[in-house]
Amino acid sequence: MSEPKLAPDHDAVGLCASCRHVRLIHSDKGSRFYMCLLAATNPQFPKYPRLPVRRCSGYEPTGGERN
């Protein structure tokens, strides 16, 4: 099993940087927000998690392999 490719901002963002359940939101002022798409159907997950996320039960790498 190969390691997931890490985004350049992985250290600052954590698991969300490489999760298939994230949507990156860019504000008009240049800010970036990481929205968890699992929050739409499961209240266990915050819509905008506090970063960096180091552990998450819903994490799935963008390649589809689950850690």
Protein backbone atom coordinates (compact mmCIF):
# COMPACT_ATOMS: atom_id res chain seq x y z
CA MET A 1 0.00 0.00 0.00
CA SER A 2 1.48 3.37 -1.00
CA GLU A 3 1.42 6.53 1.08
CA PRO A 4 -1.05 9.22 -0.04
CA LYS A 5 0.51 12.17 -1.85
CA LEU A 6 0.63 15.13 0.50
CA ALA A 7 -0.42 18.62 -0.50
CA PRO A 8 2.19 21.37 -0.03
CA ASP A 9 0.23 22.76 2.96
CA HIS A 10 -0.22 19.37 4.64
CA ASP A 11 1.66 20.33 7.84
CA ALA A 12 -0.55 23.39 8.41
CA VAL A 13 -3.82 21.70 7.42
CA GLY A 14 -3.29 18.08 8.44
CA LEU A 15 -5.43 15.26 7.05
CA CYS A 16 -7.89 17.60 5.31
CA ALA A 17 -5.20 18.49 2.76
CA SER A 18 -5.42 15.00 1.26
CA CYS A 19 -8.97 13.90 2.13
CA ARG A 20 -11.58 13.06 -0.48
CA HIS A 21 -14.31 14.63 1.71
CA VAL A 22 -12.96 18.18 1.66
CA ARG A 23 -13.93 21.18 -0.42
CA LEU A 24 -11.49 24.08 -0.47
CA ILE A 25 -13.31 27.41 -0.20
CA HIS A 26 -11.59 30.64 -1.29
CA SER A 27 -12.98 33.90 0.07
CA ASP A 28 -13.01 37.19 -1.83
CA LYS A 29 -10.42 38.45 0.68
CA GLY A 30 -7.97 35.66 -0.17
CA SER A 31 -8.60 33.38 2.81
CA ARG A 32 -8.87 29.59 2.40
CA PHE A 33 -11.28 27.41 4.33
CA TYR A 34 -11.45 23.62 4.38
CA MET A 35 -15.08 22.47 4.43
CA CYS A 36 -15.81 18.89 5.47
CA LEU A 37 -18.47 17.43 3.18
CA LEU A 38 -19.26 14.70 5.74
CA ALA A 39 -20.77 17.40 7.97
CA ALA A 40 -23.75 17.65 5.62
CA THR A 41 -24.96 14.18 6.62
CA ASN A 42 -23.25 13.47 9.94
CA PRO A 43 -23.21 15.95 12.87
CA GLN A 44 -20.12 14.20 14.29
CA PHE A 45 -18.04 16.16 11.77
CA PRO A 46 -17.63 19.94 12.02
CA LYS A 47 -18.38 21.83 8.81
CA TYR A 48 -15.13 23.79 9.13
CA PRO A 49 -12.77 21.77 11.35
CA ARG A 50 -10.10 23.41 13.46
CA LEU A 51 -6.77 22.97 11.66
CA PRO A 52 -4.51 21.08 11.62
CA VAL A 53 -6.58 17.90 11.73
CA ARG A 54 -4.34 15.06 12.96
CA ARG A 55 -7.00 12.34 13.47
CA CYS A 56 -10.38 11.87 11.84
CA SER A 57 -12.64 8.83 11.67
CA GLY A 58 -13.98 9.94 8.28
CA TYR A 59 -10.60 10.47 6.64
CA GLU A 60 -10.21 8.85 3.22
CA PRO A 61 -7.22 9.73 1.05
CA THR A 62 -8.09 11.13 -2.36
CA GLY A 63 -6.73 7.91 -3.92
CA GLY A 64 -9.53 5.92 -2.27
CA GLU A 65 -7.43 3.89 0.20
CA ARG A 66 -8.55 4.19 3.80
CA ASN A 67 -5.94 4.50 6.61
